[in-house]
Structures are given as structure tokens and as C-alpha cells.
Amino acid sequence: MQTHSFQVQGMTCGHCERAVTQAVQQVDPSAAVRIDRASGKVDVDSTAPREALAAAIADEGYTVTA
């Protein structure tokens, strides 16, 4: 398991946080997701490839910049 950090733009509310968390957990159901909405930082502890996690977040309509 490794920690992936992403900068995500567009998260403005609790619903956004849930959408990002659910998107990540569809890729890896055992992933641990920590979100700091104010800074746009999303940390994910997962065995899934970084690209797959970023794509899942982007598919929800958010911009992943890092």
C-alpha cells in the first residue's frame, strides 16, 4: 500500500468530498481517503495505480492537477 497525493480543484462541499471518496473506493474498495477541502488536497492510501485513481476523480468532474 502506498500514499498518493493529489491536488483536486472544484471540491466545494461535503457532497463533493463524498463523490471523490466514492470514486476512489470504486477503484479500490479498501482505499483510505483523506480530504482537505480548503487546500484541495486529497491523500489516498491504496494499492491501485495512481493513474486509475486520478482518472476516477476526474470522471466525477473534478480537475486533478498533481
C-alpha atoms as a PDB file:
ATOM      1  CA  MET A   1       0.000   0.000   0.000  1.00  0.00           C
ATOM      2  CA  GLN A   2       1.255   3.466  -0.785  1.00  0.00           C
ATOM      3  CA  THR A   3       0.038   7.022  -0.282  1.00  0.00           C
ATOM      4  CA  HIS A   4      -0.857   9.058  -3.357  1.00  0.00           C
ATOM      5  CA  SER A   5      -1.378  12.817  -3.017  1.00  0.00           C
ATOM      6  CA  PHE A   6      -3.499  14.747  -5.492  1.00  0.00           C
ATOM      7  CA  GLN A   7      -4.433  18.417  -5.908  1.00  0.00           C
ATOM      8  CA  VAL A   8      -8.106  18.463  -6.834  1.00  0.00           C
ATOM      9  CA  GLN A   9      -9.945  21.581  -7.983  1.00  0.00           C
ATOM     10  CA  GLY A  10     -13.683  22.013  -7.741  1.00  0.00           C
ATOM     11  CA  MET A  11     -14.495  20.458  -4.362  1.00  0.00           C
ATOM     12  CA  THR A  12     -16.770  22.942  -2.598  1.00  0.00           C
ATOM     13  CA  CYS A  13     -18.929  20.936  -0.193  1.00  0.00           C
ATOM     14  CA  GLY A  14     -19.421  17.707   1.709  1.00  0.00           C
ATOM     15  CA  HIS A  15     -21.159  16.160  -1.298  1.00  0.00           C
ATOM     16  CA  CYS A  16     -18.011  16.800  -3.347  1.00  0.00           C
ATOM     17  CA  GLU A  17     -15.908  15.042  -0.719  1.00  0.00           C
ATOM     18  CA  ARG A  18     -18.251  12.042  -0.737  1.00  0.00           C
ATOM     19  CA  ALA A  19     -18.208  11.893  -4.542  1.00  0.00           C
ATOM     20  CA  VAL A  20     -14.398  11.879  -4.626  1.00  0.00           C
ATOM     21  CA  THR A  21     -14.214   9.282  -1.843  1.00  0.00           C
ATOM     22  CA  GLN A  22     -16.740   7.001  -3.554  1.00  0.00           C
ATOM     23  CA  ALA A  23     -14.978   7.346  -6.912  1.00  0.00           C
ATOM     24  CA  VAL A  24     -11.669   6.287  -5.367  1.00  0.00           C
ATOM     25  CA  GLN A  25     -13.295   3.405  -3.495  1.00  0.00           C
ATOM     26  CA  GLN A  26     -14.860   2.092  -6.709  1.00  0.00           C
ATOM     27  CA  VAL A  27     -11.310   1.598  -7.979  1.00  0.00           C
ATOM     28  CA  ASP A  28     -10.029   0.248  -4.640  1.00  0.00           C
ATOM     29  CA  PRO A  29     -12.718  -0.586  -2.053  1.00  0.00           C
ATOM     30  CA  SER A  30     -10.122  -0.785   0.733  1.00  0.00           C
ATOM     31  CA  ALA A  31      -8.588   2.638  -0.032  1.00  0.00           C
ATOM     32  CA  ALA A  32      -8.349   5.170   2.792  1.00  0.00           C
ATOM     33  CA  VAL A  33      -9.161   8.699   1.612  1.00  0.00           C
ATOM     34  CA  ARG A  34      -8.291  11.914   3.466  1.00  0.00           C
ATOM     35  CA  ILE A  35      -9.520  15.217   2.041  1.00  0.00           C
ATOM     36  CA  ASP A  36      -8.602  18.775   2.986  1.00  0.00           C
ATOM     37  CA  ARG A  37     -11.244  20.677   1.037  1.00  0.00           C
ATOM     38  CA  ALA A  38      -9.786  24.116   1.874  1.00  0.00           C
ATOM     39  CA  SER A  39      -6.462  23.313   0.203  1.00  0.00           C
ATOM     40  CA  GLY A  40      -7.857  20.874  -2.370  1.00  0.00           C
ATOM     41  CA  LYS A  41      -5.522  18.128  -1.179  1.00  0.00           C
ATOM     42  CA  VAL A  42      -6.616  14.513  -1.413  1.00  0.00           C
ATOM     43  CA  ASP A  43      -4.432  11.769   0.092  1.00  0.00           C
ATOM     44  CA  VAL A  44      -5.235   8.183  -0.825  1.00  0.00           C
ATOM     45  CA  ASP A  45      -3.729   5.066   0.768  1.00  0.00           C
ATOM     46  CA  SER A  46      -4.186   2.426  -1.904  1.00  0.00           C
ATOM     47  CA  THR A  47      -2.595  -0.395  -3.856  1.00  0.00           C
ATOM     48  CA  ALA A  48      -4.290   0.806  -7.075  1.00  0.00           C
ATOM     49  CA  PRO A  49      -2.253   2.609  -9.759  1.00  0.00           C
ATOM     50  CA  ARG A  50      -2.065   6.388  -9.333  1.00  0.00           C
ATOM     51  CA  GLU A  51      -3.380   6.917 -12.864  1.00  0.00           C
ATOM     52  CA  ALA A  52      -6.521   4.874 -12.165  1.00  0.00           C
ATOM     53  CA  LEU A  53      -7.257   6.849  -9.003  1.00  0.00           C
ATOM     54  CA  ALA A  54      -6.737  10.195 -10.761  1.00  0.00           C
ATOM     55  CA  ALA A  55      -8.973   9.091 -13.646  1.00  0.00           C
ATOM     56  CA  ALA A  56     -11.756   8.091 -11.245  1.00  0.00           C
ATOM     57  CA  ILE A  57     -11.648  11.517  -9.584  1.00  0.00           C
ATOM     58  CA  ALA A  58     -11.600  13.277 -12.970  1.00  0.00           C
ATOM     59  CA  ASP A  59     -14.563  11.183 -14.143  1.00  0.00           C
ATOM     60  CA  GLU A  60     -16.587  12.770 -11.322  1.00  0.00           C
ATOM     61  CA  GLY A  61     -15.979  16.165 -12.906  1.00  0.00           C
ATOM     62  CA  TYR A  62     -13.077  17.439 -10.810  1.00  0.00           C
ATOM     63  CA  THR A  63      -9.743  18.692 -12.118  1.00  0.00           C
ATOM     64  CA  VAL A  64      -6.734  16.723 -10.874  1.00  0.00           C
ATOM     65  CA  THR A  65      -3.611  18.860 -11.230  1.00  0.00           C
ATOM     66  CA  ALA A  66      -0.996  16.857  -9.341  1.00  0.00           C
END
